Amino acid sequence: MPPRRAPFLALLALLPLAACGGEALGPAALASGATLVVTGKTPLDHAAGLATGQDCSAVRWERHGPWCVRPAPPLPEPVCTRSLGAPDCWSVPPRTGALLGIADPGR
């Protein structure tokens, strides 16, 4: 086992102890399972993501990927211009000179 996964496994091993109140599943275990189903991340993933500013996922780690990765940069806003019938939109504007956007007044 790689040494970088040892702290994560130690914290993961403590999760069942949250249900030691006599019930089969404690509220912490139910909340953890619900969080995993709804967001695809455990509460530990959310806490690690807030602490590091990265996207952390135990599911990705279980599939032999990195636990935390840097978030992808946002996609550029599309540039839309007038056309016949419907607007044409590009993620990178064409190099044809000055373009009139859809909200620009006509000439």
Protein backbone atom coordinates (compact mmCIF):
# COMPACT_ATOMS: atom_id res chain seq x y z
CA MET A 1 0.00 0.00 0.00
CA PRO A 2 1.45 3.39 -0.94
CA PRO A 3 2.27 5.55 2.10
CA ARG A 4 0.12 8.45 0.83
CA ARG A 5 -3.02 6.34 1.26
CA ALA A 6 -2.32 5.30 4.85
CA PRO A 7 -3.75 8.48 6.51
CA PHE A 8 -6.90 8.23 4.43
CA LEU A 9 -7.40 4.57 5.35
CA ALA A 10 -6.89 5.37 9.03
CA LEU A 11 -9.62 8.04 8.91
CA LEU A 12 -11.88 5.75 6.89
CA ALA A 13 -11.46 3.01 9.51
CA LEU A 14 -12.81 5.38 12.19
CA LEU A 15 -16.13 5.96 10.38
CA PRO A 16 -17.84 2.80 11.72
CA LEU A 17 -17.14 3.97 15.28
CA ALA A 18 -19.65 6.76 14.75
CA ALA A 19 -22.42 4.13 14.98
CA CYS A 20 -21.44 2.75 18.41
CA GLY A 21 -24.55 4.10 20.16
CA GLY A 22 -26.29 0.71 20.24
CA GLU A 23 -28.16 1.16 16.95
CA ALA A 24 -27.22 -0.79 13.85
CA LEU A 25 -26.59 2.43 11.94
CA GLY A 26 -26.03 5.69 13.73
CA PRO A 27 -27.02 9.10 12.42
CA ALA A 28 -23.44 9.85 11.35
CA ALA A 29 -23.27 6.68 9.24
CA LEU A 30 -26.65 7.41 7.68
CA ALA A 31 -25.62 10.99 6.90
CA SER A 32 -22.33 9.77 5.44
CA GLY A 33 -24.13 7.27 3.21
CA ALA A 34 -26.70 9.85 2.13
CA THR A 35 -23.98 12.36 1.30
CA LEU A 36 -22.15 9.75 -0.77
CA VAL A 37 -25.31 8.88 -2.72
CA VAL A 38 -26.39 12.49 -3.33
CA THR A 39 -23.03 14.16 -4.10
CA GLY A 40 -20.79 11.21 -4.93
CA LYS A 41 -18.43 12.27 -2.13
CA THR A 42 -18.05 11.38 1.52
CA PRO A 43 -18.09 14.04 4.25
CA LEU A 44 -14.31 13.51 4.53
CA ASP A 45 -14.01 14.30 0.80
CA HIS A 46 -15.93 17.55 1.29
CA ALA A 47 -13.77 18.53 4.28
CA ALA A 48 -10.55 17.75 2.42
CA GLY A 49 -11.78 19.68 -0.61
CA LEU A 50 -12.54 22.74 1.52
CA ALA A 51 -9.14 22.51 3.24
CA THR A 52 -7.10 22.05 0.05
CA GLY A 53 -9.18 23.88 -2.57
CA GLN A 54 -9.08 20.76 -4.73
CA ASP A 55 -11.67 18.23 -5.89
CA CYS A 56 -11.35 15.21 -3.55
CA SER A 57 -13.19 11.94 -4.12
CA ALA A 58 -12.84 8.58 -2.37
CA VAL A 59 -14.67 6.98 -5.31
CA ARG A 60 -11.94 8.17 -7.70
CA TRP A 61 -9.29 6.97 -5.22
CA GLU A 62 -10.97 3.56 -4.97
CA ARG A 63 -10.70 3.29 -8.76
CA HIS A 64 -6.91 3.75 -8.39
CA GLY A 65 -6.88 7.43 -9.30
CA PRO A 66 -5.66 10.36 -7.21
CA TRP A 67 -7.79 11.26 -4.19
CA CYS A 68 -7.58 15.03 -4.81
CA VAL A 69 -7.10 16.81 -8.14
CA ARG A 70 -7.03 20.45 -9.10
CA PRO A 71 -10.38 21.61 -10.48
CA ALA A 72 -10.55 22.09 -14.25
CA PRO A 73 -10.49 25.70 -15.46
CA PRO A 74 -13.88 27.03 -16.56
CA LEU A 75 -14.73 26.88 -20.24
CA PRO A 76 -14.70 30.21 -22.09
CA GLU A 77 -18.03 31.89 -22.73
CA PRO A 78 -19.26 31.27 -26.29
CA VAL A 79 -19.31 34.14 -28.77
CA CYS A 80 -22.59 34.27 -30.69
CA THR A 81 -23.16 36.27 -33.87
CA ARG A 82 -26.10 36.85 -36.17
CA SER A 83 -26.77 34.43 -38.94
CA LEU A 84 -29.63 33.44 -41.20
CA GLY A 85 -32.31 31.69 -39.16
CA ALA A 86 -30.38 31.02 -35.94
CA PRO A 87 -27.34 32.46 -34.18
CA ASP A 88 -23.90 30.95 -34.72
CA CYS A 89 -21.87 30.40 -31.55
CA TRP A 90 -18.14 29.66 -31.16
CA SER A 91 -15.98 28.99 -28.15
CA VAL A 92 -13.18 30.80 -30.02
CA PRO A 93 -14.36 33.70 -32.21
CA PRO A 94 -13.48 33.49 -35.91
CA ARG A 95 -10.77 35.84 -37.19
CA THR A 96 -12.87 37.73 -39.69
CA GLY A 97 -12.56 41.21 -38.23
CA ALA A 98 -15.17 43.04 -36.16
CA LEU A 99 -18.16 40.89 -35.28
CA LEU A 100 -21.54 42.15 -34.22
CA GLY A 101 -22.83 40.19 -31.27
CA ILE A 102 -26.48 39.30 -30.94
CA ALA A 103 -27.18 42.07 -28.42
CA ASP A 104 -25.30 44.70 -30.49
CA PRO A 105 -27.43 47.18 -32.46
CA GLY A 106 -27.50 46.56 -36.19
CA ARG A 107 -25.81 48.81 -38.73
